[in-house]
């Protein structure tokens, strides 16, 4: 079933320039959520509206 809702991508990285770059590249096609650490990423992923895809830094800081 096709919907008009934009897919959501969660980008997780502790380098602000990487978050900005990926948001700029993906933002025209996808709704982009960003997290600068693992704890925030988990909160977003476990929310009532989880992302469709997660682009994850190899070792994000602040893991619970």
PDB file of N, CA and C in Angstrom:
ATOM      1  N   UNK A   1       0.837  -1.184   0.000  1.00  0.00           N
ATOM      2  CA  UNK A   1       0.000   0.000   0.000  1.00  0.00           C
ATOM      3  C   UNK A   1       0.882   1.247   0.000  1.00  0.00           C
ATOM      4  N   UNK A   2       0.693   2.117  -0.961  1.00  0.00           N
ATOM      5  CA  UNK A   2       1.485   3.333  -1.071  1.00  0.00           C
ATOM      6  C   UNK A   2       0.805   4.471  -0.326  1.00  0.00           C
ATOM      7  N   UNK A   3       1.635   5.236   0.403  1.00  0.00           N
ATOM      8  CA  UNK A   3       1.117   6.414   1.097  1.00  0.00           C
ATOM      9  C   UNK A   3       1.909   7.633   0.644  1.00  0.00           C
ATOM     10  N   UNK A   4       1.397   8.806   0.967  1.00  0.00           N
ATOM     11  CA  UNK A   4       2.090  10.043   0.621  1.00  0.00           C
ATOM     12  C   UNK A   4       3.069  10.477   1.707  1.00  0.00           C
ATOM     13  N   UNK A   5       3.177   9.697   2.747  1.00  0.00           N
ATOM     14  CA  UNK A   5       4.055  10.031   3.859  1.00  0.00           C
ATOM     15  C   UNK A   5       5.516   9.850   3.445  1.00  0.00           C
ATOM     16  N   UNK A   6       6.346  10.853   3.770  1.00  0.00           N
ATOM     17  CA  UNK A   6       7.776  10.748   3.490  1.00  0.00           C
ATOM     18  C   UNK A   6       8.403   9.720   4.420  1.00  0.00           C
ATOM     19  N   UNK A   7       9.265   8.844   3.900  1.00  0.00           N
ATOM     20  CA  UNK A   7      10.006   7.938   4.780  1.00  0.00           C
ATOM     21  C   UNK A   7      10.903   8.747   5.715  1.00  0.00           C
ATOM     22  N   UNK A   8      11.120   8.212   6.915  1.00  0.00           N
ATOM     23  CA  UNK A   8      11.923   8.891   7.931  1.00  0.00           C
ATOM     24  C   UNK A   8      13.262   8.173   8.076  1.00  0.00           C
ATOM     25  N   UNK A   9      14.335   8.947   8.026  1.00  0.00           N
ATOM     26  CA  UNK A   9      15.682   8.419   8.232  1.00  0.00           C
ATOM     27  C   UNK A   9      16.255   9.067   9.486  1.00  0.00           C
ATOM     28  N   UNK A  10      16.780   8.232  10.370  1.00  0.00           N
ATOM     29  CA  UNK A  10      17.479   8.706  11.552  1.00  0.00           C
ATOM     30  C   UNK A  10      18.970   8.620  11.281  1.00  0.00           C
ATOM     31  N   UNK A  11      19.657   9.745  11.383  1.00  0.00           N
ATOM     32  CA  UNK A  11      21.101   9.806  11.186  1.00  0.00           C
ATOM     33  C   UNK A  11      21.751   9.996  12.555  1.00  0.00           C
ATOM     34  N   UNK A  12      22.675   9.089  12.890  1.00  0.00           N
ATOM     35  CA  UNK A  12      23.333   9.125  14.194  1.00  0.00           C
ATOM     36  C   UNK A  12      24.831   9.293  13.985  1.00  0.00           C
ATOM     37  N   UNK A  13      25.372  10.385  14.496  1.00  0.00           N
ATOM     38  CA  UNK A  13      26.807  10.646  14.391  1.00  0.00           C
ATOM     39  C   UNK A  13      27.176  11.708  15.410  1.00  0.00           C
ATOM     40  N   UNK A  14      28.377  11.619  15.958  1.00  0.00           N
ATOM     41  CA  UNK A  14      28.814  12.610  16.941  1.00  0.00           C
ATOM     42  C   UNK A  14      29.558  13.778  16.305  1.00  0.00           C
ATOM     43  N   UNK A  15      29.689  13.760  14.999  1.00  0.00           N
ATOM     44  CA  UNK A  15      30.360  14.863  14.293  1.00  0.00           C
ATOM     45  C   UNK A  15      29.286  15.732  13.642  1.00  0.00           C
ATOM     46  N   UNK A  16      29.121  16.964  14.135  1.00  0.00           N
ATOM     47  CA  UNK A  16      28.060  17.843  13.622  1.00  0.00           C
ATOM     48  C   UNK A  16      28.099  18.054  12.113  1.00  0.00           C
ATOM     49  N   UNK A  17      29.286  18.150  11.529  1.00  0.00           N
ATOM     50  CA  UNK A  17      29.385  18.341  10.071  1.00  0.00           C
ATOM     51  C   UNK A  17      28.786  17.160   9.313  1.00  0.00           C
ATOM     52  N   UNK A  18      28.967  15.949   9.831  1.00  0.00           N
ATOM     53  CA  UNK A  18      28.384  14.767   9.181  1.00  0.00           C
ATOM     54  C   UNK A  18      26.860  14.801   9.253  1.00  0.00           C
ATOM     55  N   UNK A  19      26.327  15.189  10.408  1.00  0.00           N
ATOM     56  CA  UNK A  19      24.873  15.303  10.561  1.00  0.00           C
ATOM     57  C   UNK A  19      24.308  16.331   9.591  1.00  0.00           C
ATOM     58  N   UNK A  20      24.980  17.453   9.492  1.00  0.00           N
ATOM     59  CA  UNK A  20      24.535  18.525   8.607  1.00  0.00           C
ATOM     60  C   UNK A  20      24.593  18.101   7.140  1.00  0.00           C
ATOM     61  N   UNK A  21      25.692  17.484   6.750  1.00  0.00           N
ATOM     62  CA  UNK A  21      25.870  17.047   5.368  1.00  0.00           C
ATOM     63  C   UNK A  21      24.796  16.038   4.966  1.00  0.00           C
ATOM     64  N   UNK A  22      24.590  15.020   5.799  1.00  0.00           N
ATOM     65  CA  UNK A  22      23.593  14.005   5.462  1.00  0.00           C
ATOM     66  C   UNK A  22      22.182  14.579   5.473  1.00  0.00           C
ATOM     67  N   UNK A  23      21.910  15.488   6.396  1.00  0.00           N
ATOM     68  CA  UNK A  23      20.593  16.138   6.418  1.00  0.00           C
ATOM     69  C   UNK A  23      20.351  16.923   5.142  1.00  0.00           C
ATOM     70  N   UNK A  24      21.373  17.641   4.695  1.00  0.00           N
ATOM     71  CA  UNK A  24      21.249  18.415   3.456  1.00  0.00           C
ATOM     72  C   UNK A  24      21.041  17.507   2.242  1.00  0.00           C
ATOM     73  N   UNK A  25      21.784  16.413   2.177  1.00  0.00           N
ATOM     74  CA  UNK A  25      21.693  15.509   1.032  1.00  0.00           C
ATOM     75  C   UNK A  25      20.352  14.784   0.995  1.00  0.00           C
ATOM     76  N   UNK A  26      19.894  14.326   2.154  1.00  0.00           N
ATOM     77  CA  UNK A  26      18.690  13.490   2.215  1.00  0.00           C
ATOM     78  C   UNK A  26      17.398  14.270   2.405  1.00  0.00           C
ATOM     79  N   UNK A  27      17.510  15.516   2.858  1.00  0.00           N
ATOM     80  CA  UNK A  27      16.341  16.278   3.273  1.00  0.00           C
ATOM     81  C   UNK A  27      15.304  16.572   2.208  1.00  0.00           C
ATOM     82  N   UNK A  28      15.682  16.581   0.944  1.00  0.00           N
ATOM     83  CA  UNK A  28      14.701  16.850  -0.113  1.00  0.00           C
ATOM     84  C   UNK A  28      13.776  15.662  -0.362  1.00  0.00           C
ATOM     85  N   UNK A  29      14.270  14.477  -0.082  1.00  0.00           N
ATOM     86  CA  UNK A  29      13.508  13.264  -0.380  1.00  0.00           C
ATOM     87  C   UNK A  29      12.914  12.611   0.866  1.00  0.00           C
ATOM     88  N   UNK A  30      13.593  12.750   2.001  1.00  0.00           N
ATOM     89  CA  UNK A  30      13.198  12.078   3.228  1.00  0.00           C
ATOM     90  C   UNK A  30      13.020  13.067   4.371  1.00  0.00           C
ATOM     91  N   UNK A  31      12.241  12.665   5.347  1.00  0.00           N
ATOM     92  CA  UNK A  31      12.218  13.409   6.607  1.00  0.00           C
ATOM     93  C   UNK A  31      13.407  12.892   7.400  1.00  0.00           C
ATOM     94  N   UNK A  32      14.305  13.780   7.804  1.00  0.00           N
ATOM     95  CA  UNK A  32      15.534  13.378   8.474  1.00  0.00           C
ATOM     96  C   UNK A  32      15.475  13.794   9.939  1.00  0.00           C
ATOM     97  N   UNK A  33      15.724  12.829  10.807  1.00  0.00           N
ATOM     98  CA  UNK A  33      15.895  13.095  12.233  1.00  0.00           C
ATOM     99  C   UNK A  33      17.358  12.840  12.539  1.00  0.00           C
ATOM    100  N   UNK A  34      17.928  13.622  13.455  1.00  0.00           N
ATOM    101  CA  UNK A  34      19.343  13.459  13.780  1.00  0.00           C
ATOM    102  C   UNK A  34      19.518  13.229  15.270  1.00  0.00           C
ATOM    103  N   UNK A  35      20.576  12.499  15.591  1.00  0.00           N
ATOM    104  CA  UNK A  35      20.960  12.273  16.977  1.00  0.00           C
ATOM    105  C   UNK A  35      22.484  12.325  17.045  1.00  0.00           C
ATOM    106  N   UNK A  36      22.992  13.029  18.041  1.00  0.00           N
ATOM    107  CA  UNK A  36      24.439  13.169  18.168  1.00  0.00           C
ATOM    108  C   UNK A  36      25.047  12.157  19.138  1.00  0.00           C
ATOM    109  N   UNK A  37      24.198  11.287  19.707  1.00  0.00           N
ATOM    110  CA  UNK A  37      24.727  10.240  20.581  1.00  0.00           C
ATOM    111  C   UNK A  37      23.766   9.051  20.599  1.00  0.00           C
ATOM    112  N   UNK A  38      24.251   7.951  21.124  1.00  0.00           N
ATOM    113  CA  UNK A  38      23.473   6.721  21.129  1.00  0.00           C
ATOM    114  C   UNK A  38      22.220   6.782  21.974  1.00  0.00           C
ATOM    115  N   UNK A  39      22.282   7.459  23.109  1.00  0.00           N
ATOM    116  CA  UNK A  39      21.121   7.538  23.997  1.00  0.00           C
ATOM    117  C   UNK A  39      19.961   8.263  23.308  1.00  0.00           C
ATOM    118  N   UNK A  40      20.265   9.373  22.649  1.00  0.00           N
ATOM    119  CA  UNK A  40      19.218  10.114  21.937  1.00  0.00           C
ATOM    120  C   UNK A  40      18.676   9.284  20.776  1.00  0.00           C
ATOM    121  N   UNK A  41      19.559   8.579  20.085  1.00  0.00           N
ATOM    122  CA  UNK A  41      19.135   7.739  18.969  1.00  0.00           C
ATOM    123  C   UNK A  41      18.165   6.649  19.439  1.00  0.00           C
ATOM    124  N   UNK A  42      18.452   6.047  20.587  1.00  0.00           N
ATOM    125  CA  UNK A  42      17.563   5.014  21.118  1.00  0.00           C
ATOM    126  C   UNK A  42      16.198   5.582  21.492  1.00  0.00           C
ATOM    127  N   UNK A  43      16.188   6.789  22.052  1.00  0.00           N
ATOM    128  CA  UNK A  43      14.905   7.427  22.383  1.00  0.00           C
ATOM    129  C   UNK A  43      14.066   7.643  21.129  1.00  0.00           C
ATOM    130  N   UNK A  44      14.696   8.099  20.070  1.00  0.00           N
ATOM    131  CA  UNK A  44      13.984   8.333  18.812  1.00  0.00           C
ATOM    132  C   UNK A  44      13.518   7.003  18.211  1.00  0.00           C
ATOM    133  N   UNK A  45      14.400   6.013  18.216  1.00  0.00           N
ATOM    134  CA  UNK A  45      14.057   4.714  17.628  1.00  0.00           C
ATOM    135  C   UNK A  45      12.932   4.014  18.382  1.00  0.00           C
ATOM    136  N   UNK A  46      12.842   4.249  19.683  1.00  0.00           N
ATOM    137  CA  UNK A  46      11.814   3.608  20.510  1.00  0.00           C
ATOM    138  C   UNK A  46      10.540   4.435  20.626  1.00  0.00           C
ATOM    139  N   UNK A  47      10.486   5.558  19.950  1.00  0.00           N
ATOM    140  CA  UNK A  47       9.331   6.448  20.054  1.00  0.00           C
ATOM    141  C   UNK A  47       8.110   5.858  19.356  1.00  0.00           C
ATOM    142  N   UNK A  48       6.996   6.544  19.482  1.00  0.00           N
ATOM    143  CA  UNK A  48       5.761   6.112  18.828  1.00  0.00           C
ATOM    144  C   UNK A  48       5.852   6.211  17.305  1.00  0.00           C
ATOM    145  N   UNK A  49       6.784   7.017  16.819  1.00  0.00           N
ATOM    146  CA  UNK A  49       6.988   7.165  15.373  1.00  0.00           C
ATOM    147  C   UNK A  49       8.453   6.851  15.043  1.00  0.00           C
ATOM    148  N   UNK A  50       8.819   5.571  15.066  1.00  0.00           N
ATOM    149  CA  UNK A  50      10.219   5.208  14.806  1.00  0.00           C
ATOM    150  C   UNK A  50      10.601   5.467  13.350  1.00  0.00           C
ATOM    151  N   UNK A  51      11.899   5.617  13.099  1.00  0.00           N
ATOM    152  CA  UNK A  51      12.350   5.855  11.723  1.00  0.00           C
ATOM    153  C   UNK A  51      12.198   4.600  10.869  1.00  0.00           C
ATOM    154  N   UNK A  52      12.166   4.807   9.569  1.00  0.00           N
ATOM    155  CA  UNK A  52      12.124   3.703   8.617  1.00  0.00           C
ATOM    156  C   UNK A  52      13.512   3.118   8.386  1.00  0.00           C
ATOM    157  N   UNK A  53      14.531   3.956   8.572  1.00  0.00           N
ATOM    158  CA  UNK A  53      15.915   3.548   8.339  1.00  0.00           C
ATOM    159  C   UNK A  53      16.807   4.310   9.304  1.00  0.00           C
ATOM    160  N   UNK A  54      17.869   3.654   9.790  1.00  0.00           N
ATOM    161  CA  UNK A  54      18.845   4.302  10.668  1.00  0.00           C
ATOM    162  C   UNK A  54      20.209   4.236   9.999  1.00  0.00           C
ATOM    163  N   UNK A  55      20.846   5.391   9.855  1.00  0.00           N
ATOM    164  CA  UNK A  55      22.233   5.466   9.398  1.00  0.00           C
ATOM    165  C   UNK A  55      23.054   5.758  10.647  1.00  0.00           C
ATOM    166  N   UNK A  56      23.870   4.791  11.044  1.00  0.00           N
ATOM    167  CA  UNK A  56      24.489   4.808  12.361  1.00  0.00           C
ATOM    168  C   UNK A  56      26.005   4.900  12.281  1.00  0.00           C
ATOM    169  N   UNK A  57      26.562   5.789  13.085  1.00  0.00           N
ATOM    170  CA  UNK A  57      27.999   5.862  13.291  1.00  0.00           C
ATOM    171  C   UNK A  57      28.452   4.514  13.865  1.00  0.00           C
ATOM    172  N   UNK A  58      29.660   4.106  13.572  1.00  0.00           N
ATOM    173  CA  UNK A  58      30.152   2.810  14.039  1.00  0.00           C
ATOM    174  C   UNK A  58      30.140   2.714  15.560  1.00  0.00           C
ATOM    175  N   UNK A  59      30.539   3.766  16.236  1.00  0.00           N
ATOM    176  CA  UNK A  59      30.546   3.725  17.707  1.00  0.00           C
ATOM    177  C   UNK A  59      30.053   5.063  18.267  1.00  0.00           C
ATOM    178  N   UNK A  60      28.738   5.250  18.303  1.00  0.00           N
ATOM    179  CA  UNK A  60      28.195   6.507  18.806  1.00  0.00           C
ATOM    180  C   UNK A  60      28.447   6.645  20.306  1.00  0.00           C
ATOM    181  N   UNK A  61      28.752   7.853  20.772  1.00  0.00           N
ATOM    182  CA  UNK A  61      28.990   8.055  22.199  1.00  0.00           C
ATOM    183  C   UNK A  61      27.679   8.028  22.998  1.00  0.00           C
ATOM    184  N   UNK A  62      27.833   7.958  24.302  1.00  0.00           N
ATOM    185  CA  UNK A  62      26.720   8.010  25.276  1.00  0.00           C
ATOM    186  C   UNK A  62      25.713   6.890  25.047  1.00  0.00           C
ATOM    187  N   UNK A  63      26.209   5.686  25.106  1.00  0.00           N
ATOM    188  CA  UNK A  63      25.301   4.543  25.035  1.00  0.00           C
ATOM    189  C   UNK A  63      24.872   4.186  26.446  1.00  0.00           C
ATOM    190  N   UNK A  64      23.564   3.853  26.599  1.00  0.00           N
ATOM    191  CA  UNK A  64      23.071   3.484  27.925  1.00  0.00           C
ATOM    192  C   UNK A  64      23.308   2.017  28.191  1.00  0.00           C
TER     193      UNK A  64
END
